[in-house]
């Protein structure tokens, strides 16, 4: 696993970008993507909540390839719950499997649970280090270091 201080969206078009998410849906079936990287993703891709909502409704709170360049990365069950290190571990494992299956060479992941979720990177880094190899770049903005 590599680490960089950079904007995750600077990698768009160069690899697969993971979007930290939760498993909640609106009444009309759209994924709730209200803060952090998820919110930024909706600004760039307005149909994303509908696409992810369908996947969440049919398969639950897991890692999904939403578009060729975007995957979900669940960190919490609802937008109101705290990030769950167990769910982050599960998501990292699922993302690793998906990366192996598709032969992706580059996957860019924000520091899961460490922005709006409030977790410390020192708590999450060992989980990702165990599961990610050098195809994965974990990015953090300088203000969340």
N, C-alpha and C. Protein backbone atom coordinates (compact mmCIF):
# COMPACT_ATOMS: atom_id res chain seq x y z
N UNK A 1 0.84 -1.18 0.00
CA UNK A 1 0.00 0.00 0.00
C UNK A 1 0.89 1.24 0.00
N UNK A 2 0.51 2.16 -0.85
CA UNK A 2 1.22 3.44 -0.89
C UNK A 2 0.32 4.50 -0.28
N UNK A 3 0.92 5.57 0.21
CA UNK A 3 0.15 6.68 0.78
C UNK A 3 0.59 7.97 0.12
N UNK A 4 -0.38 8.85 -0.12
CA UNK A 4 -0.09 10.15 -0.70
C UNK A 4 -1.01 11.20 -0.12
N UNK A 5 -0.52 12.40 -0.04
CA UNK A 5 -1.34 13.56 0.31
C UNK A 5 -1.74 14.21 -1.00
N UNK A 6 -2.96 13.97 -1.41
CA UNK A 6 -3.42 14.51 -2.68
C UNK A 6 -4.95 14.47 -2.72
N UNK A 7 -5.50 15.17 -3.66
CA UNK A 7 -6.94 15.15 -3.88
C UNK A 7 -7.29 13.86 -4.62
N UNK A 8 -8.22 13.09 -4.11
CA UNK A 8 -8.57 11.80 -4.71
C UNK A 8 -9.03 11.95 -6.15
N UNK A 9 -9.67 13.08 -6.47
CA UNK A 9 -10.23 13.25 -7.81
C UNK A 9 -9.16 13.55 -8.85
N UNK A 10 -7.94 13.85 -8.42
CA UNK A 10 -6.86 14.02 -9.39
C UNK A 10 -6.49 12.68 -10.04
N UNK A 11 -6.97 11.58 -9.47
CA UNK A 11 -6.70 10.25 -10.00
C UNK A 11 -7.79 9.79 -10.98
N UNK A 12 -8.85 10.55 -11.14
CA UNK A 12 -9.93 10.17 -12.02
C UNK A 12 -9.40 9.95 -13.43
N UNK A 13 -9.71 8.82 -14.02
CA UNK A 13 -9.23 8.48 -15.35
C UNK A 13 -7.90 7.74 -15.35
N UNK A 14 -7.27 7.61 -14.18
CA UNK A 14 -5.98 6.92 -14.08
C UNK A 14 -6.09 5.58 -13.37
N UNK A 15 -7.18 5.36 -12.68
CA UNK A 15 -7.38 4.12 -11.94
C UNK A 15 -8.80 4.06 -11.41
N UNK A 16 -9.06 3.08 -10.58
CA UNK A 16 -10.37 2.93 -9.96
C UNK A 16 -10.37 3.72 -8.66
N UNK A 17 -11.42 4.49 -8.42
CA UNK A 17 -11.53 5.30 -7.21
C UNK A 17 -12.58 4.70 -6.30
N UNK A 18 -12.22 4.51 -5.04
CA UNK A 18 -13.15 4.01 -4.03
C UNK A 18 -13.82 5.20 -3.35
N UNK A 19 -15.13 5.07 -3.17
CA UNK A 19 -15.92 6.11 -2.51
C UNK A 19 -16.40 5.55 -1.18
N UNK A 20 -16.04 6.19 -0.09
CA UNK A 20 -16.50 5.72 1.22
C UNK A 20 -18.00 5.98 1.35
N UNK A 21 -18.74 4.95 1.78
CA UNK A 21 -20.20 5.00 1.78
C UNK A 21 -20.76 4.39 3.05
N UNK A 22 -22.09 4.43 3.13
CA UNK A 22 -22.84 3.74 4.18
C UNK A 22 -23.91 2.90 3.48
N UNK A 23 -24.71 2.18 4.24
CA UNK A 23 -25.69 1.28 3.64
C UNK A 23 -27.12 1.78 3.64
N UNK A 24 -27.33 3.06 3.87
CA UNK A 24 -28.69 3.60 3.98
C UNK A 24 -29.23 4.10 2.65
N UNK A 25 -30.57 3.99 2.54
CA UNK A 25 -31.27 4.43 1.34
C UNK A 25 -32.35 5.44 1.70
N UNK A 26 -32.65 6.33 0.76
CA UNK A 26 -33.79 7.23 0.90
C UNK A 26 -35.07 6.43 0.61
N UNK A 27 -36.21 7.04 0.85
CA UNK A 27 -37.49 6.36 0.60
C UNK A 27 -37.65 5.94 -0.86
N UNK A 28 -37.04 6.72 -1.75
CA UNK A 28 -37.16 6.37 -3.17
C UNK A 28 -36.01 5.50 -3.67
N UNK A 29 -35.20 4.95 -2.74
CA UNK A 29 -34.20 3.96 -3.10
C UNK A 29 -32.83 4.47 -3.49
N UNK A 30 -32.57 5.73 -3.27
CA UNK A 30 -31.23 6.26 -3.58
C UNK A 30 -30.32 6.11 -2.37
N UNK A 31 -29.04 5.84 -2.62
CA UNK A 31 -28.06 5.78 -1.54
C UNK A 31 -27.89 7.16 -0.93
N UNK A 32 -27.75 7.21 0.37
CA UNK A 32 -27.50 8.49 1.05
C UNK A 32 -26.00 8.74 1.02
N UNK A 33 -25.62 9.80 0.32
CA UNK A 33 -24.21 10.12 0.11
C UNK A 33 -24.02 11.59 0.48
N UNK A 34 -24.05 11.88 1.79
CA UNK A 34 -24.17 13.24 2.23
C UNK A 34 -22.92 13.97 2.65
N UNK A 35 -21.78 13.28 2.78
CA UNK A 35 -20.58 14.01 3.22
C UNK A 35 -19.33 13.36 2.65
N UNK A 36 -18.24 14.09 2.79
CA UNK A 36 -16.93 13.59 2.38
C UNK A 36 -16.82 13.28 0.90
N UNK A 37 -16.08 12.21 0.61
CA UNK A 37 -15.83 11.79 -0.76
C UNK A 37 -17.13 11.40 -1.46
N UNK A 38 -18.06 10.81 -0.72
CA UNK A 38 -19.35 10.43 -1.31
C UNK A 38 -20.10 11.66 -1.82
N UNK A 39 -20.11 12.69 -1.04
CA UNK A 39 -20.79 13.93 -1.44
C UNK A 39 -20.11 14.55 -2.67
N UNK A 40 -18.79 14.55 -2.66
CA UNK A 40 -18.05 15.06 -3.82
C UNK A 40 -18.37 14.25 -5.07
N UNK A 41 -18.48 12.92 -4.89
CA UNK A 41 -18.77 12.04 -6.03
C UNK A 41 -20.13 12.37 -6.64
N UNK A 42 -21.12 12.66 -5.78
CA UNK A 42 -22.45 12.99 -6.28
C UNK A 42 -22.42 14.29 -7.08
N UNK A 43 -21.59 15.23 -6.66
CA UNK A 43 -21.47 16.48 -7.41
C UNK A 43 -20.90 16.22 -8.80
N UNK A 44 -19.99 15.26 -8.91
CA UNK A 44 -19.39 14.91 -10.20
C UNK A 44 -20.26 13.97 -11.02
N UNK A 45 -20.98 13.08 -10.34
CA UNK A 45 -21.78 12.04 -10.99
C UNK A 45 -23.17 12.00 -10.36
N UNK A 46 -24.07 12.88 -10.79
CA UNK A 46 -25.37 13.02 -10.14
C UNK A 46 -26.23 11.75 -10.08
N UNK A 47 -26.02 10.79 -10.96
CA UNK A 47 -26.83 9.57 -10.98
C UNK A 47 -26.31 8.50 -10.01
N UNK A 48 -25.18 8.77 -9.39
CA UNK A 48 -24.54 7.78 -8.51
C UNK A 48 -25.43 7.28 -7.37
N UNK A 49 -26.17 8.14 -6.67
CA UNK A 49 -27.03 7.62 -5.59
C UNK A 49 -28.06 6.60 -6.08
N UNK A 50 -28.60 6.81 -7.25
CA UNK A 50 -29.56 5.86 -7.80
C UNK A 50 -28.89 4.54 -8.15
N UNK A 51 -27.71 4.63 -8.79
CA UNK A 51 -26.99 3.42 -9.18
C UNK A 51 -26.58 2.60 -7.95
N UNK A 52 -25.98 3.26 -6.96
CA UNK A 52 -25.55 2.56 -5.76
C UNK A 52 -26.75 2.07 -4.96
N UNK A 53 -27.82 2.85 -4.94
CA UNK A 53 -29.03 2.46 -4.22
C UNK A 53 -29.56 1.11 -4.70
N UNK A 54 -29.58 0.90 -6.00
CA UNK A 54 -30.04 -0.38 -6.56
C UNK A 54 -29.16 -1.53 -6.07
N UNK A 55 -27.86 -1.31 -6.05
CA UNK A 55 -26.94 -2.36 -5.60
C UNK A 55 -27.11 -2.66 -4.11
N UNK A 56 -27.24 -1.61 -3.31
CA UNK A 56 -27.43 -1.79 -1.87
C UNK A 56 -28.74 -2.51 -1.58
N UNK A 57 -29.79 -2.15 -2.31
CA UNK A 57 -31.10 -2.76 -2.08
C UNK A 57 -31.08 -4.25 -2.40
N UNK A 58 -30.37 -4.62 -3.46
CA UNK A 58 -30.37 -6.03 -3.86
C UNK A 58 -29.33 -6.87 -3.12
N UNK A 59 -28.21 -6.26 -2.70
CA UNK A 59 -27.14 -7.07 -2.12
C UNK A 59 -26.65 -6.68 -0.75
N UNK A 60 -27.14 -5.59 -0.18
CA UNK A 60 -26.68 -5.17 1.13
C UNK A 60 -25.46 -4.28 1.07
N UNK A 61 -24.91 -4.00 2.24
CA UNK A 61 -23.83 -3.02 2.40
C UNK A 61 -22.47 -3.66 2.14
N UNK A 62 -22.09 -3.69 0.85
CA UNK A 62 -20.83 -4.31 0.43
C UNK A 62 -20.12 -3.42 -0.58
N UNK A 63 -18.93 -3.83 -0.97
CA UNK A 63 -18.19 -3.14 -2.02
C UNK A 63 -18.81 -3.52 -3.36
N UNK A 64 -19.08 -2.50 -4.18
CA UNK A 64 -19.65 -2.72 -5.51
C UNK A 64 -18.90 -1.89 -6.53
N UNK A 65 -18.74 -2.45 -7.71
CA UNK A 65 -18.27 -1.64 -8.83
C UNK A 65 -19.50 -0.92 -9.37
N UNK A 66 -19.54 0.39 -9.20
CA UNK A 66 -20.70 1.18 -9.59
C UNK A 66 -20.60 1.58 -11.06
N UNK A 67 -19.42 2.02 -11.46
CA UNK A 67 -19.12 2.35 -12.85
C UNK A 67 -17.76 1.72 -13.12
N UNK A 68 -17.28 1.75 -14.35
CA UNK A 68 -15.95 1.17 -14.60
C UNK A 68 -14.83 1.77 -13.74
N UNK A 69 -14.99 3.04 -13.32
CA UNK A 69 -13.93 3.73 -12.58
C UNK A 69 -14.25 4.00 -11.11
N UNK A 70 -15.44 3.60 -10.64
CA UNK A 70 -15.84 3.92 -9.27
C UNK A 70 -16.36 2.68 -8.55
N UNK A 71 -15.91 2.51 -7.31
CA UNK A 71 -16.41 1.45 -6.45
C UNK A 71 -16.85 2.05 -5.12
N UNK A 72 -17.80 1.38 -4.49
CA UNK A 72 -18.19 1.80 -3.14
C UNK A 72 -17.27 1.13 -2.13
N UNK A 73 -17.15 1.75 -0.96
CA UNK A 73 -16.32 1.22 0.12
C UNK A 73 -17.05 1.53 1.43
N UNK A 74 -17.94 0.63 1.87
CA UNK A 74 -18.70 0.90 3.09
C UNK A 74 -17.80 1.05 4.33
N UNK A 75 -18.09 2.09 5.11
CA UNK A 75 -17.36 2.31 6.37
C UNK A 75 -18.30 2.35 7.57
N UNK A 76 -19.60 2.52 7.31
CA UNK A 76 -20.59 2.59 8.39
C UNK A 76 -21.93 2.10 7.86
N UNK A 77 -22.81 1.72 8.77
CA UNK A 77 -24.11 1.20 8.36
C UNK A 77 -25.08 2.32 7.96
N UNK A 78 -25.05 3.44 8.69
CA UNK A 78 -25.93 4.56 8.38
C UNK A 78 -25.10 5.84 8.40
N UNK A 79 -25.64 6.94 7.84
CA UNK A 79 -24.91 8.20 7.89
C UNK A 79 -24.80 8.75 9.32
N UNK A 80 -25.60 8.21 10.25
CA UNK A 80 -25.62 8.71 11.61
C UNK A 80 -24.81 7.84 12.57
N UNK A 81 -24.32 6.69 12.09
CA UNK A 81 -23.53 5.82 12.96
C UNK A 81 -22.04 6.13 12.80
N UNK A 82 -21.27 5.68 13.76
CA UNK A 82 -19.82 5.87 13.70
C UNK A 82 -19.22 4.85 12.74
N UNK A 83 -18.08 5.19 12.12
CA UNK A 83 -17.40 4.21 11.29
C UNK A 83 -17.09 2.95 12.11
N UNK A 84 -17.16 1.81 11.45
CA UNK A 84 -16.97 0.53 12.09
C UNK A 84 -15.68 -0.12 11.56
N UNK A 85 -14.65 -0.26 12.41
CA UNK A 85 -13.41 -0.89 11.94
C UNK A 85 -13.62 -2.29 11.36
N UNK A 86 -14.59 -3.05 11.90
CA UNK A 86 -14.89 -4.36 11.34
C UNK A 86 -15.43 -4.27 9.93
N UNK A 87 -16.30 -3.30 9.68
CA UNK A 87 -16.84 -3.09 8.34
C UNK A 87 -15.75 -2.58 7.40
N UNK A 88 -14.88 -1.74 7.91
CA UNK A 88 -13.76 -1.24 7.09
C UNK A 88 -12.87 -2.41 6.69
N UNK A 89 -12.60 -3.33 7.62
CA UNK A 89 -11.80 -4.53 7.30
C UNK A 89 -12.51 -5.37 6.24
N UNK A 90 -13.81 -5.57 6.41
CA UNK A 90 -14.59 -6.34 5.43
C UNK A 90 -14.52 -5.68 4.06
N UNK A 91 -14.70 -4.38 4.02
CA UNK A 91 -14.67 -3.64 2.76
C UNK A 91 -13.30 -3.73 2.10
N UNK A 92 -12.25 -3.62 2.89
CA UNK A 92 -10.89 -3.72 2.33
C UNK A 92 -10.67 -5.10 1.72
N UNK A 93 -11.15 -6.13 2.39
CA UNK A 93 -11.03 -7.48 1.85
C UNK A 93 -11.82 -7.67 0.56
N UNK A 94 -13.04 -7.15 0.54
CA UNK A 94 -13.87 -7.25 -0.66
C UNK A 94 -13.26 -6.46 -1.81
N UNK A 95 -12.70 -5.29 -1.51
CA UNK A 95 -12.07 -4.48 -2.56
C UNK A 95 -10.84 -5.20 -3.10
N UNK A 96 -10.08 -5.84 -2.23
CA UNK A 96 -8.91 -6.60 -2.68
C UNK A 96 -9.35 -7.74 -3.61
N UNK A 97 -10.42 -8.45 -3.25
CA UNK A 97 -10.93 -9.53 -4.10
C UNK A 97 -11.38 -9.00 -5.46
N UNK A 98 -12.10 -7.89 -5.46
CA UNK A 98 -12.58 -7.30 -6.70
C UNK A 98 -11.41 -6.84 -7.57
N UNK A 99 -10.39 -6.30 -6.95
CA UNK A 99 -9.19 -5.86 -7.66
C UNK A 99 -8.50 -7.06 -8.32
N UNK A 100 -8.38 -8.15 -7.58
CA UNK A 100 -7.78 -9.37 -8.13
C UNK A 100 -8.62 -9.91 -9.30
N UNK A 101 -9.94 -9.96 -9.13
CA UNK A 101 -10.83 -10.50 -10.16
C UNK A 101 -10.75 -9.71 -11.46
N UNK A 102 -10.69 -8.38 -11.33
CA UNK A 102 -10.70 -7.53 -12.52
C UNK A 102 -9.30 -7.21 -13.04
N UNK A 103 -8.28 -7.56 -12.29
CA UNK A 103 -6.91 -7.27 -12.72
C UNK A 103 -6.58 -5.79 -12.72
N UNK A 104 -7.20 -5.04 -11.81
CA UNK A 104 -6.91 -3.60 -11.76
C UNK A 104 -5.48 -3.36 -11.29
N UNK A 105 -4.83 -2.39 -11.91
CA UNK A 105 -3.45 -2.05 -11.56
C UNK A 105 -3.35 -0.92 -10.56
N UNK A 106 -4.42 -0.12 -10.43
CA UNK A 106 -4.39 1.04 -9.55
C UNK A 106 -5.77 1.28 -8.96
N UNK A 107 -5.83 1.27 -7.63
CA UNK A 107 -7.07 1.58 -6.92
C UNK A 107 -6.73 2.65 -5.88
N UNK A 108 -7.49 3.74 -5.90
CA UNK A 108 -7.24 4.87 -5.02
C UNK A 108 -8.36 4.93 -3.98
N UNK A 109 -7.96 4.96 -2.72
CA UNK A 109 -8.91 4.88 -1.61
C UNK A 109 -8.67 6.06 -0.67
N UNK A 110 -9.73 6.76 -0.25
CA UNK A 110 -9.53 7.77 0.79
C UNK A 110 -9.28 7.07 2.13
N UNK A 111 -8.82 7.79 3.11
CA UNK A 111 -8.64 7.19 4.43
C UNK A 111 -10.01 6.89 5.02
N UNK A 112 -10.43 5.61 4.99
CA UNK A 112 -11.81 5.29 5.36
C UNK A 112 -12.12 5.56 6.83
N UNK A 113 -13.20 6.33 7.04
CA UNK A 113 -13.64 6.65 8.39
C UNK A 113 -12.88 7.77 9.05
N UNK A 114 -11.88 8.33 8.38
CA UNK A 114 -10.99 9.29 9.02
C UNK A 114 -11.30 10.76 8.71
N UNK A 115 -12.16 11.03 7.77
CA UNK A 115 -12.53 12.41 7.50
C UNK A 115 -13.68 12.81 8.40
N UNK A 116 -14.87 12.84 7.81
CA UNK A 116 -16.07 13.17 8.57
C UNK A 116 -16.40 12.14 9.64
N UNK A 117 -15.91 10.92 9.48
CA UNK A 117 -16.17 9.86 10.45
C UNK A 117 -15.45 10.03 11.77
N UNK A 118 -14.36 10.80 11.76
CA UNK A 118 -13.66 11.13 12.99
C UNK A 118 -12.67 10.11 13.52
N UNK A 119 -12.44 9.00 12.80
CA UNK A 119 -11.46 8.02 13.29
C UNK A 119 -10.05 8.53 13.04
N UNK A 120 -9.13 8.05 13.82
CA UNK A 120 -7.72 8.41 13.65
C UNK A 120 -7.07 7.46 12.65
N UNK A 121 -6.27 8.02 11.74
CA UNK A 121 -5.59 7.23 10.72
C UNK A 121 -4.74 6.14 11.37
N UNK A 122 -4.17 6.40 12.52
CA UNK A 122 -3.33 5.41 13.20
C UNK A 122 -4.12 4.16 13.57
N UNK A 123 -5.45 4.29 13.73
CA UNK A 123 -6.30 3.14 14.05
C UNK A 123 -6.63 2.32 12.80
N UNK A 124 -6.76 2.97 11.68
CA UNK A 124 -7.23 2.32 10.45
C UNK A 124 -6.07 1.83 9.58
N UNK A 125 -4.97 2.51 9.60
CA UNK A 125 -3.84 2.17 8.73
C UNK A 125 -3.43 0.70 8.85
N UNK A 126 -3.30 0.11 10.05
CA UNK A 126 -2.89 -1.30 10.13
C UNK A 126 -3.86 -2.27 9.45
N UNK A 127 -5.14 -1.95 9.46
CA UNK A 127 -6.14 -2.80 8.80
C UNK A 127 -5.86 -2.83 7.30
N UNK A 128 -5.65 -1.66 6.72
CA UNK A 128 -5.45 -1.57 5.28
C UNK A 128 -4.09 -2.13 4.88
N UNK A 129 -3.08 -1.88 5.69
CA UNK A 129 -1.74 -2.38 5.39
C UNK A 129 -1.74 -3.91 5.28
N UNK A 130 -2.54 -4.54 6.10
CA UNK A 130 -2.64 -6.01 6.09
C UNK A 130 -3.27 -6.54 4.80
N UNK A 131 -4.18 -5.78 4.22
CA UNK A 131 -4.96 -6.29 3.09
C UNK A 131 -4.60 -5.71 1.73
N UNK A 132 -3.99 -4.54 1.70
CA UNK A 132 -3.68 -3.89 0.43
C UNK A 132 -2.23 -4.10 0.04
N UNK A 133 -1.97 -4.27 -1.26
CA UNK A 133 -0.61 -4.34 -1.77
C UNK A 133 -0.30 -3.03 -2.50
N UNK A 134 0.78 -3.03 -3.30
CA UNK A 134 1.20 -1.77 -3.91
C UNK A 134 0.34 -1.32 -5.10
N UNK A 135 -0.74 -2.03 -5.40
CA UNK A 135 -1.69 -1.53 -6.39
C UNK A 135 -2.61 -0.48 -5.78
N UNK A 136 -2.60 -0.36 -4.46
CA UNK A 136 -3.50 0.53 -3.74
C UNK A 136 -2.78 1.78 -3.27
N UNK A 137 -3.39 2.92 -3.54
CA UNK A 137 -2.89 4.19 -3.01
C UNK A 137 -3.96 4.74 -2.08
N UNK A 138 -3.59 5.00 -0.85
CA UNK A 138 -4.52 5.61 0.10
C UNK A 138 -4.16 7.09 0.19
N UNK A 139 -5.15 7.92 -0.09
CA UNK A 139 -4.90 9.35 -0.13
C UNK A 139 -5.54 10.03 1.08
N UNK A 140 -4.88 11.06 1.52
CA UNK A 140 -5.40 11.89 2.61
C UNK A 140 -5.04 13.33 2.31
N UNK A 141 -5.98 14.20 2.57
CA UNK A 141 -5.71 15.62 2.41
C UNK A 141 -4.87 16.08 3.60
N UNK A 142 -4.01 17.06 3.43
CA UNK A 142 -3.16 17.52 4.53
C UNK A 142 -3.92 17.87 5.80
N UNK A 143 -5.17 18.37 5.66
CA UNK A 143 -5.91 18.78 6.86
C UNK A 143 -6.41 17.59 7.68
N UNK A 144 -6.35 16.35 7.18
CA UNK A 144 -6.80 15.20 7.95
C UNK A 144 -5.63 14.31 8.41
N UNK A 145 -4.43 14.80 8.28
CA UNK A 145 -3.26 14.01 8.69
C UNK A 145 -3.10 13.95 10.18
